[in-house]
């Protein structure tokens, strides 16, 4: 599952970059198209979730190792 989360995170980074570039080009238009903001913010929110998961993963693994070794004593 960790491999899939990393792959999804990478592709979300590509989608965010494309949305950001699109937003950069349409920011001067009147009226401002809503799709441009959503195109950047939706992948950013998902990047946040997958990033948190990958950030916390080593701490959870360490906590589980410590807990399992403590039960054997």
Protein backbone atom coordinates (compact mmCIF):
# COMPACT_ATOMS: atom_id res chain seq x y z
CA UNK A 1 0.00 0.00 0.00
CA UNK A 2 2.89 2.38 0.73
CA UNK A 3 4.08 2.11 -2.86
CA UNK A 4 0.64 3.10 -4.13
CA UNK A 5 0.46 6.09 -1.80
CA UNK A 6 3.86 7.26 -3.04
CA UNK A 7 2.82 6.86 -6.69
CA UNK A 8 -0.44 8.70 -6.09
CA UNK A 9 1.49 11.45 -4.29
CA UNK A 10 3.85 11.84 -7.25
CA UNK A 11 1.01 12.05 -9.78
CA UNK A 12 -0.85 14.50 -7.57
CA UNK A 13 2.27 16.65 -7.59
CA UNK A 14 2.18 16.62 -11.40
CA UNK A 15 -1.53 17.52 -11.38
CA UNK A 16 -0.93 20.32 -8.90
CA UNK A 17 1.90 21.72 -11.00
CA UNK A 18 -0.28 21.68 -14.12
CA UNK A 19 -3.13 23.34 -12.22
CA UNK A 20 -0.81 25.97 -10.83
CA UNK A 21 0.56 26.78 -14.28
CA UNK A 22 -2.97 26.99 -15.68
CA UNK A 23 -3.95 29.26 -12.80
CA UNK A 24 -0.95 31.47 -13.49
CA UNK A 25 -2.05 32.00 -17.10
CA UNK A 26 -5.73 32.72 -16.40
CA UNK A 27 -5.35 34.90 -13.31
CA UNK A 28 -5.60 38.07 -15.37
CA UNK A 29 -8.87 37.15 -17.04
CA UNK A 30 -12.10 38.86 -16.10
CA UNK A 31 -14.12 37.21 -14.63
CA UNK A 32 -11.71 34.83 -12.95
CA UNK A 33 -12.60 31.24 -13.93
CA UNK A 34 -13.37 29.12 -10.89
CA UNK A 35 -12.02 25.95 -12.52
CA UNK A 36 -8.51 27.39 -12.43
CA UNK A 37 -8.51 27.70 -8.66
CA UNK A 38 -10.06 24.28 -8.17
CA UNK A 39 -7.56 22.74 -10.60
CA UNK A 40 -4.76 23.79 -8.25
CA UNK A 41 -6.43 23.42 -4.86
CA UNK A 42 -7.98 19.96 -5.23
CA UNK A 43 -4.66 18.19 -5.91
CA UNK A 44 -3.04 20.32 -3.20
CA UNK A 45 -5.52 19.07 -0.61
CA UNK A 46 -4.95 15.47 -1.66
CA UNK A 47 -1.19 16.07 -1.60
CA UNK A 48 -1.57 17.25 1.97
CA UNK A 49 -3.33 14.02 2.98
CA UNK A 50 -0.86 11.70 1.26
CA UNK A 51 2.05 13.77 2.56
CA UNK A 52 0.78 13.50 6.12
CA UNK A 53 0.43 9.75 5.68
CA UNK A 54 4.01 9.40 4.46
CA UNK A 55 5.27 11.72 7.20
CA UNK A 56 3.59 9.78 10.02
CA UNK A 57 4.37 6.31 8.65
CA UNK A 58 7.92 5.98 10.11
CA UNK A 59 6.71 7.12 13.54
CA UNK A 60 3.89 4.59 13.54
CA UNK A 61 6.29 1.81 12.51
CA UNK A 62 8.69 2.81 15.30
CA UNK A 63 5.84 2.91 17.80
CA UNK A 64 4.67 -0.55 16.73
CA UNK A 65 8.19 -1.98 17.00
CA UNK A 66 8.60 -0.54 20.48
CA UNK A 67 5.26 -1.86 21.57
CA UNK A 68 5.84 -5.37 20.27
CA UNK A 69 9.32 -5.63 21.83
CA UNK A 70 8.01 -4.39 25.17
CA UNK A 71 5.41 -7.17 25.33
CA UNK A 72 8.12 -9.85 25.12
CA UNK A 73 9.98 -8.70 28.24
